[in-house]
Amino acid sequence: MKAIVNVFLKAGVLDSQGKAVHHALGSLKFDSVEEVRVGKQIVLSLSETDEAKARAEVEQMCEALLANTVIEDYSIELRP
């Protein structure tokens, strides 16, 4: 099973990378972009085949290491 974890800053937390990308896009005349948030994606290959167990394990990974839950949110997508 494959787990895809997307980690991104919580709303209200200053995203300096997002601001820099937004400014650069504006400089390139992409004026329709209203906001940019930059995050990271982590792809895990798991031996677990039970979806509920895999999700629980990946949530533990996120809480312990993959995301700083004080300032970051995360989402998990599981694929067979």
PDB file of N, CA and C in Angstrom:
ATOM      1  N   MET A   1       0.847  -1.182   0.000  1.00  0.00           N
ATOM      2  CA  MET A   1       0.000   0.000   0.000  1.00  0.00           C
ATOM      3  C   MET A   1       0.887   1.238   0.000  1.00  0.00           C
ATOM      4  N   LYS A   2       0.406   2.273  -0.660  1.00  0.00           N
ATOM      5  CA  LYS A   2       1.145   3.531  -0.725  1.00  0.00           C
ATOM      6  C   LYS A   2       0.372   4.585   0.065  1.00  0.00           C
ATOM      7  N   ALA A   3       1.083   5.345   0.874  1.00  0.00           N
ATOM      8  CA  ALA A   3       0.496   6.460   1.617  1.00  0.00           C
ATOM      9  C   ALA A   3       1.121   7.747   1.113  1.00  0.00           C
ATOM     10  N   ILE A   4       0.270   8.695   0.783  1.00  0.00           N
ATOM     11  CA  ILE A   4       0.728  10.012   0.341  1.00  0.00           C
ATOM     12  C   ILE A   4       0.314  11.011   1.417  1.00  0.00           C
ATOM     13  N   VAL A   5       1.305  11.651   2.003  1.00  0.00           N
ATOM     14  CA  VAL A   5       1.064  12.611   3.081  1.00  0.00           C
ATOM     15  C   VAL A   5       1.391  14.001   2.562  1.00  0.00           C
ATOM     16  N   ASN A   6       0.429  14.897   2.632  1.00  0.00           N
ATOM     17  CA  ASN A   6       0.646  16.305   2.272  1.00  0.00           C
ATOM     18  C   ASN A   6       0.680  17.116   3.551  1.00  0.00           C
ATOM     19  N   VAL A   7       1.757  17.859   3.737  1.00  0.00           N
ATOM     20  CA  VAL A   7       1.956  18.672   4.932  1.00  0.00           C
ATOM     21  C   VAL A   7       2.005  20.135   4.498  1.00  0.00           C
ATOM     22  N   PHE A   8       1.245  20.971   5.200  1.00  0.00           N
ATOM     23  CA  PHE A   8       1.182  22.383   4.840  1.00  0.00           C
ATOM     24  C   PHE A   8       0.965  23.209   6.098  1.00  0.00           C
ATOM     25  N   LEU A   9       1.400  24.467   6.035  1.00  0.00           N
ATOM     26  CA  LEU A   9       1.242  25.350   7.190  1.00  0.00           C
ATOM     27  C   LEU A   9      -0.232  25.622   7.464  1.00  0.00           C
ATOM     28  N   LYS A  10      -0.568  25.727   8.729  1.00  0.00           N
ATOM     29  CA  LYS A  10      -1.946  26.036   9.111  1.00  0.00           C
ATOM     30  C   LYS A  10      -2.320  27.436   8.635  1.00  0.00           C
ATOM     31  N   ALA A  11      -3.607  27.634   8.422  1.00  0.00           N
ATOM     32  CA  ALA A  11      -4.101  28.963   8.064  1.00  0.00           C
ATOM     33  C   ALA A  11      -3.700  29.941   9.163  1.00  0.00           C
ATOM     34  N   GLY A  12      -3.236  31.095   8.775  1.00  0.00           N
ATOM     35  CA  GLY A  12      -2.833  32.100   9.746  1.00  0.00           C
ATOM     36  C   GLY A  12      -1.342  32.076  10.066  1.00  0.00           C
ATOM     37  N   VAL A  13      -0.657  31.003   9.699  1.00  0.00           N
ATOM     38  CA  VAL A  13       0.792  30.930   9.899  1.00  0.00           C
ATOM     39  C   VAL A  13       1.451  31.513   8.653  1.00  0.00           C
ATOM     40  N   LEU A  14       2.351  32.467   8.856  1.00  0.00           N
ATOM     41  CA  LEU A  14       3.022  33.120   7.738  1.00  0.00           C
ATOM     42  C   LEU A  14       3.788  32.100   6.904  1.00  0.00           C
ATOM     43  N   ASP A  15       3.509  32.085   5.613  1.00  0.00           N
ATOM     44  CA  ASP A  15       4.179  31.192   4.665  1.00  0.00           C
ATOM     45  C   ASP A  15       5.109  32.046   3.809  1.00  0.00           C
ATOM     46  N   SER A  16       6.344  32.217   4.257  1.00  0.00           N
ATOM     47  CA  SER A  16       7.276  33.094   3.547  1.00  0.00           C
ATOM     48  C   SER A  16       7.628  32.550   2.162  1.00  0.00           C
ATOM     49  N   GLN A  17       7.719  31.233   2.014  1.00  0.00           N
ATOM     50  CA  GLN A  17       7.963  30.657   0.692  1.00  0.00           C
ATOM     51  C   GLN A  17       6.783  30.932  -0.235  1.00  0.00           C
ATOM     52  N   GLY A  18       5.586  30.789   0.282  1.00  0.00           N
ATOM     53  CA  GLY A  18       4.392  31.069  -0.515  1.00  0.00           C
ATOM     54  C   GLY A  18       4.343  32.523  -0.950  1.00  0.00           C
ATOM     55  N   LYS A  19       4.706  33.421  -0.050  1.00  0.00           N
ATOM     56  CA  LYS A  19       4.730  34.849  -0.384  1.00  0.00           C
ATOM     57  C   LYS A  19       5.749  35.126  -1.489  1.00  0.00           C
ATOM     58  N   ALA A  20       6.925  34.500  -1.399  1.00  0.00           N
ATOM     59  CA  ALA A  20       7.966  34.707  -2.410  1.00  0.00           C
ATOM     60  C   ALA A  20       7.507  34.181  -3.778  1.00  0.00           C
ATOM     61  N   VAL A  21       6.869  33.015  -3.790  1.00  0.00           N
ATOM     62  CA  VAL A  21       6.369  32.460  -5.046  1.00  0.00           C
ATOM     63  C   VAL A  21       5.269  33.345  -5.613  1.00  0.00           C
ATOM     64  N   HIS A  22       4.377  33.816  -4.750  1.00  0.00           N
ATOM     65  CA  HIS A  22       3.291  34.699  -5.183  1.00  0.00           C
ATOM     66  C   HIS A  22       3.850  35.965  -5.820  1.00  0.00           C
ATOM     67  N   HIS A  23       4.851  36.559  -5.176  1.00  0.00           N
ATOM     68  CA  HIS A  23       5.481  37.774  -5.715  1.00  0.00           C
ATOM     69  C   HIS A  23       6.124  37.493  -7.071  1.00  0.00           C
ATOM     70  N   ALA A  24       6.834  36.363  -7.173  1.00  0.00           N
ATOM     71  CA  ALA A  24       7.499  36.016  -8.438  1.00  0.00           C
ATOM     72  C   ALA A  24       6.473  35.785  -9.547  1.00  0.00           C
ATOM     73  N   LEU A  25       5.384  35.117  -9.230  1.00  0.00           N
ATOM     74  CA  LEU A  25       4.339  34.901 -10.241  1.00  0.00           C
ATOM     75  C   LEU A  25       3.740  36.229 -10.697  1.00  0.00           C
ATOM     76  N   GLY A  26       3.540  37.157  -9.753  1.00  0.00           N
ATOM     77  CA  GLY A  26       3.042  38.483 -10.117  1.00  0.00           C
ATOM     78  C   GLY A  26       4.015  39.213 -11.029  1.00  0.00           C
ATOM     79  N   SER A  27       5.307  39.060 -10.751  1.00  0.00           N
ATOM     80  CA  SER A  27       6.331  39.679 -11.606  1.00  0.00           C
ATOM     81  C   SER A  27       6.308  39.118 -13.020  1.00  0.00           C
ATOM     82  N   LEU A  28       5.865  37.883 -13.143  1.00  0.00           N
ATOM     83  CA  LEU A  28       5.765  37.231 -14.451  1.00  0.00           C
ATOM     84  C   LEU A  28       4.389  37.435 -15.094  1.00  0.00           C
ATOM     85  N   LYS A  29       3.612  38.353 -14.519  1.00  0.00           N
ATOM     86  CA  LYS A  29       2.294  38.742 -15.049  1.00  0.00           C
ATOM     87  C   LYS A  29       1.220  37.669 -14.896  1.00  0.00           C
ATOM     88  N   PHE A  30       1.384  36.761 -13.926  1.00  0.00           N
ATOM     89  CA  PHE A  30       0.318  35.822 -13.585  1.00  0.00           C
ATOM     90  C   PHE A  30      -0.529  36.470 -12.489  1.00  0.00           C
ATOM     91  N   ASP A  31      -1.326  37.428 -12.896  1.00  0.00           N
ATOM     92  CA  ASP A  31      -2.047  38.280 -11.953  1.00  0.00           C
ATOM     93  C   ASP A  31      -3.293  37.641 -11.353  1.00  0.00           C
ATOM     94  N   SER A  32      -3.728  36.518 -11.863  1.00  0.00           N
ATOM     95  CA  SER A  32      -4.941  35.909 -11.335  1.00  0.00           C
ATOM     96  C   SER A  32      -4.695  35.102 -10.055  1.00  0.00           C
ATOM     97  N   VAL A  33      -3.434  34.906  -9.686  1.00  0.00           N
ATOM     98  CA  VAL A  33      -3.114  34.147  -8.478  1.00  0.00           C
ATOM     99  C   VAL A  33      -3.346  35.036  -7.264  1.00  0.00           C
ATOM    100  N   GLU A  34      -4.248  34.601  -6.388  1.00  0.00           N
ATOM    101  CA  GLU A  34      -4.583  35.399  -5.201  1.00  0.00           C
ATOM    102  C   GLU A  34      -3.731  35.047  -3.991  1.00  0.00           C
ATOM    103  N   GLU A  35      -3.354  33.777  -3.871  1.00  0.00           N
ATOM    104  CA  GLU A  35      -2.559  33.353  -2.717  1.00  0.00           C
ATOM    105  C   GLU A  35      -1.799  32.095  -3.088  1.00  0.00           C
ATOM    106  N   VAL A  36      -0.631  31.911  -2.483  1.00  0.00           N
ATOM    107  CA  VAL A  36       0.168  30.710  -2.687  1.00  0.00           C
ATOM    108  C   VAL A  36       0.555  30.163  -1.317  1.00  0.00           C
ATOM    109  N   ARG A  37       0.368  28.877  -1.136  1.00  0.00           N
ATOM    110  CA  ARG A  37       0.816  28.187   0.068  1.00  0.00           C
ATOM    111  C   ARG A  37       1.740  27.067  -0.400  1.00  0.00           C
ATOM    112  N   VAL A  38       2.915  26.983   0.186  1.00  0.00           N
ATOM    113  CA  VAL A  38       3.892  25.971  -0.180  1.00  0.00           C
ATOM    114  C   VAL A  38       3.928  24.913   0.920  1.00  0.00           C
ATOM    115  N   GLY A  39       3.934  23.667   0.517  1.00  0.00           N
ATOM    116  CA  GLY A  39       3.984  22.564   1.479  1.00  0.00           C
ATOM    117  C   GLY A  39       4.953  21.501   1.005  1.00  0.00           C
ATOM    118  N   LYS A  40       4.799  20.326   1.571  1.00  0.00           N
ATOM    119  CA  LYS A  40       5.649  19.214   1.159  1.00  0.00           C
ATOM    120  C   LYS A  40       4.797  17.956   1.047  1.00  0.00           C
ATOM    121  N   GLN A  41       5.253  17.031   0.210  1.00  0.00           N
ATOM    122  CA  GLN A  41       4.569  15.765   0.028  1.00  0.00           C
ATOM    123  C   GLN A  41       5.542  14.636   0.355  1.00  0.00           C
ATOM    124  N   ILE A  42       5.062  13.694   1.147  1.00  0.00           N
ATOM    125  CA  ILE A  42       5.868  12.542   1.550  1.00  0.00           C
ATOM    126  C   ILE A  42       5.138  11.299   1.060  1.00  0.00           C
ATOM    127  N   VAL A  43       5.833  10.445   0.313  1.00  0.00           N
ATOM    128  CA  VAL A  43       5.235   9.223  -0.222  1.00  0.00           C
ATOM    129  C   VAL A  43       5.884   8.036   0.491  1.00  0.00           C
ATOM    130  N   LEU A  44       5.035   7.223   1.108  1.00  0.00           N
ATOM    131  CA  LEU A  44       5.510   6.073   1.869  1.00  0.00           C
ATOM    132  C   LEU A  44       4.988   4.784   1.235  1.00  0.00           C
ATOM    133  N   SER A  45       5.854   3.801   1.081  1.00  0.00           N
ATOM    134  CA  SER A  45       5.436   2.467   0.650  1.00  0.00           C
ATOM    135  C   SER A  45       5.316   1.615   1.903  1.00  0.00           C
ATOM    136  N   LEU A  46       4.140   1.066   2.116  1.00  0.00           N
ATOM    137  CA  LEU A  46       3.861   0.305   3.334  1.00  0.00           C
ATOM    138  C   LEU A  46       3.610  -1.159   3.010  1.00  0.00           C
ATOM    139  N   SER A  47       4.013  -2.044   3.906  1.00  0.00           N
ATOM    140  CA  SER A  47       3.716  -3.464   3.741  1.00  0.00           C
ATOM    141  C   SER A  47       2.319  -3.792   4.261  1.00  0.00           C
ATOM    142  N   GLU A  48       1.758  -2.912   5.079  1.00  0.00           N
ATOM    143  CA  GLU A  48       0.417  -3.131   5.640  1.00  0.00           C
ATOM    144  C   GLU A  48      -0.621  -3.140   4.527  1.00  0.00           C
ATOM    145  N   THR A  49      -1.542  -4.096   4.566  1.00  0.00           N
ATOM    146  CA  THR A  49      -2.591  -4.199   3.545  1.00  0.00           C
ATOM    147  C   THR A  49      -3.958  -3.786   4.067  1.00  0.00           C
ATOM    148  N   ASP A  50      -4.122  -3.716   5.382  1.00  0.00           N
ATOM    149  CA  ASP A  50      -5.388  -3.286   5.980  1.00  0.00           C
ATOM    150  C   ASP A  50      -5.424  -1.760   6.006  1.00  0.00           C
ATOM    151  N   GLU A  51      -6.423  -1.166   5.324  1.00  0.00           N
ATOM    152  CA  GLU A  51      -6.462   0.293   5.182  1.00  0.00           C
ATOM    153  C   GLU A  51      -6.583   1.009   6.522  1.00  0.00           C
ATOM    154  N   ALA A  52      -7.404   0.514   7.403  1.00  0.00           N
ATOM    155  CA  ALA A  52      -7.585   1.170   8.707  1.00  0.00           C
ATOM    156  C   ALA A  52      -6.292   1.149   9.515  1.00  0.00           C
ATOM    157  N   LYS A  53      -5.606   0.010   9.504  1.00  0.00           N
ATOM    158  CA  LYS A  53      -4.331  -0.089  10.237  1.00  0.00           C
ATOM    159  C   LYS A  53      -3.271   0.810   9.609  1.00  0.00           C
ATOM    160  N   ALA A  54      -3.234   0.840   8.275  1.00  0.00           N
ATOM    161  CA  ALA A  54      -2.255   1.682   7.587  1.00  0.00           C
ATOM    162  C   ALA A  54      -2.499   3.150   7.910  1.00  0.00           C
ATOM    163  N   ARG A  55      -3.765   3.586   7.863  1.00  0.00           N
ATOM    164  CA  ARG A  55      -4.086   4.984   8.159  1.00  0.00           C
ATOM    165  C   ARG A  55      -3.681   5.334   9.589  1.00  0.00           C
ATOM    166  N   ALA A  56      -3.981   4.452  10.526  1.00  0.00           N
ATOM    167  CA  ALA A  56      -3.640   4.706  11.929  1.00  0.00           C
ATOM    168  C   ALA A  56      -2.125   4.812  12.102  1.00  0.00           C
ATOM    169  N   GLU A  57      -1.392   3.937  11.416  1.00  0.00           N
ATOM    170  CA  GLU A  57       0.066   3.964  11.528  1.00  0.00           C
ATOM    171  C   GLU A  57       0.645   5.247  10.926  1.00  0.00           C
ATOM    172  N   VAL A  58       0.135   5.652   9.781  1.00  0.00           N
ATOM    173  CA  VAL A  58       0.634   6.873   9.136  1.00  0.00           C
ATOM    174  C   VAL A  58       0.272   8.103   9.967  1.00  0.00           C
ATOM    175  N   GLU A  59      -0.908   8.109  10.570  1.00  0.00           N
ATOM    176  CA  GLU A  59      -1.270   9.222  11.465  1.00  0.00           C
ATOM    177  C   GLU A  59      -0.285   9.314  12.618  1.00  0.00           C
ATOM    178  N   GLN A  60       0.113   8.173  13.176  1.00  0.00           N
ATOM    179  CA  GLN A  60       1.108   8.178  14.250  1.00  0.00           C
ATOM    180  C   GLN A  60       2.440   8.736  13.756  1.00  0.00           C
ATOM    181  N   MET A  61       2.818   8.368  12.532  1.00  0.00           N
ATOM    182  CA  MET A  61       4.056   8.888  11.948  1.00  0.00           C
ATOM    183  C   MET A  61       4.000  10.405  11.810  1.00  0.00           C
ATOM    184  N   CYS A  62       2.855  10.897  11.353  1.00  0.00           N
ATOM    185  CA  CYS A  62       2.686  12.343  11.176  1.00  0.00           C
ATOM    186  C   CYS A  62       2.780  13.070  12.504  1.00  0.00           C
ATOM    187  N   GLU A  63       2.106  12.546  13.499  1.00  0.00           N
ATOM    188  CA  GLU A  63       2.091  13.185  14.818  1.00  0.00           C
ATOM    189  C   GLU A  63       3.469  13.149  15.475  1.00  0.00           C
ATOM    190  N   ALA A  64       4.239  12.083  15.220  1.00  0.00           N
ATOM    191  CA  ALA A  64       5.537  11.914  15.877  1.00  0.00           C
ATOM    192  C   ALA A  64       6.685  12.582  15.136  1.00  0.00           C
ATOM    193  N   LEU A  65       6.612  12.637  13.780  1.00  0.00           N
ATOM    194  CA  LEU A  65       7.788  13.071  13.039  1.00  0.00           C
ATOM    195  C   LEU A  65       7.500  13.883  11.784  1.00  0.00           C
ATOM    196  N   LEU A  66       6.565  13.456  10.983  1.00  0.00           N
ATOM    197  CA  LEU A  66       6.422  14.021   9.643  1.00  0.00           C
ATOM    198  C   LEU A  66       5.850  15.436   9.616  1.00  0.00           C
ATOM    199  N   ALA A  67       5.060  15.808  10.602  1.00  0.00           N
ATOM    200  CA  ALA A  67       4.462  17.149  10.647  1.00  0.00           C
ATOM    201  C   ALA A  67       4.694  17.775  12.011  1.00  0.00           C
ATOM    202  N   ASN A  68       4.939  19.071  12.006  1.00  0.00           N
ATOM    203  CA  ASN A  68       4.991  19.837  13.249  1.00  0.00           C
ATOM    204  C   ASN A  68       3.565  20.315  13.491  1.00  0.00           C
ATOM    205  N   THR A  69       2.810  19.556  14.269  1.00  0.00           N
ATOM    206  CA  THR A  69       1.373  19.803  14.393  1.00  0.00           C
ATOM    207  C   THR A  69       1.028  21.103  15.117  1.00  0.00           C
ATOM    208  N   VAL A  70       2.013  21.779  15.662  1.00  0.00           N
ATOM    209  CA  VAL A  70       1.759  23.089  16.259  1.00  0.00           C
ATOM    210  C   VAL A  70       1.468  24.106  15.156  1.00  0.00           C
ATOM    211  N   ILE A  71       2.198  24.014  14.047  1.00  0.00           N
ATOM    212  CA  ILE A  71       2.046  24.997  12.965  1.00  0.00           C
ATOM    213  C   ILE A  71       1.639  24.387  11.626  1.00  0.00           C
ATOM    214  N   GLU A  72       1.565  23.051  11.557  1.00  0.00           N
ATOM    215  CA  GLU A  72       1.263  22.398  10.279  1.00  0.00           C
ATOM    216  C   GLU A  72       0.054  21.475  10.392  1.00  0.00           C
ATOM    217  N   ASP A  73      -0.690  21.391   9.304  1.00  0.00           N
ATOM    218  CA  ASP A  73      -1.741  20.400   9.129  1.00  0.00           C
ATOM    219  C   ASP A  73      -1.237  19.366   8.138  1.00  0.00           C
ATOM    220  N   TYR A  74      -1.903  18.228   8.100  1.00  0.00           N
ATOM    221  CA  TYR A  74      -1.534  17.214   7.127  1.00  0.00           C
ATOM    222  C   TYR A  74      -2.780  16.470   6.653  1.00  0.00           C
ATOM    223  N   SER A  75      -2.662  15.895   5.472  1.00  0.00           N
ATOM    224  CA  SER A  75      -3.713  15.034   4.950  1.00  0.00           C
ATOM    225  C   SER A  75      -3.050  13.742   4.488  1.00  0.00           C
ATOM    226  N   ILE A  76      -3.821  12.668   4.537  1.00  0.00           N
ATOM    227  CA  ILE A  76      -3.303  11.351   4.177  1.00  0.00           C
ATOM    228  C   ILE A  76      -4.192  10.759   3.095  1.00  0.00           C
ATOM    229  N   GLU A  77      -3.560  10.273   2.043  1.00  0.00           N
ATOM    230  CA  GLU A  77      -4.261   9.555   0.978  1.00  0.00           C
ATOM    231  C   GLU A  77      -3.633   8.174   0.877  1.00  0.00           C
ATOM    232  N   LEU A  78      -4.464   7.138   0.900  1.00  0.00           N
ATOM    233  CA  LEU A  78      -3.970   5.771   0.778  1.00  0.00           C
ATOM    234  C   LEU A  78      -4.345   5.215  -0.582  1.00  0.00           C
ATOM    235  N   ARG A  79      -3.402   4.503  -1.190  1.00  0.00           N
ATOM    236  CA  ARG A  79      -3.635   3.849  -2.486  1.00  0.00           C
ATOM    237  C   ARG A  79      -3.170   2.408  -2.381  1.00  0.00           C
ATOM    238  N   PRO A  80      -3.884   1.503  -3.053  1.00  0.00           N
ATOM    239  CA  PRO A  80      -3.474   0.082  -3.002  1.00  0.00           C
ATOM    240  C   PRO A  80      -2.141  -0.160  -3.699  1.00  0.00           C
TER     241      PRO A  80
END
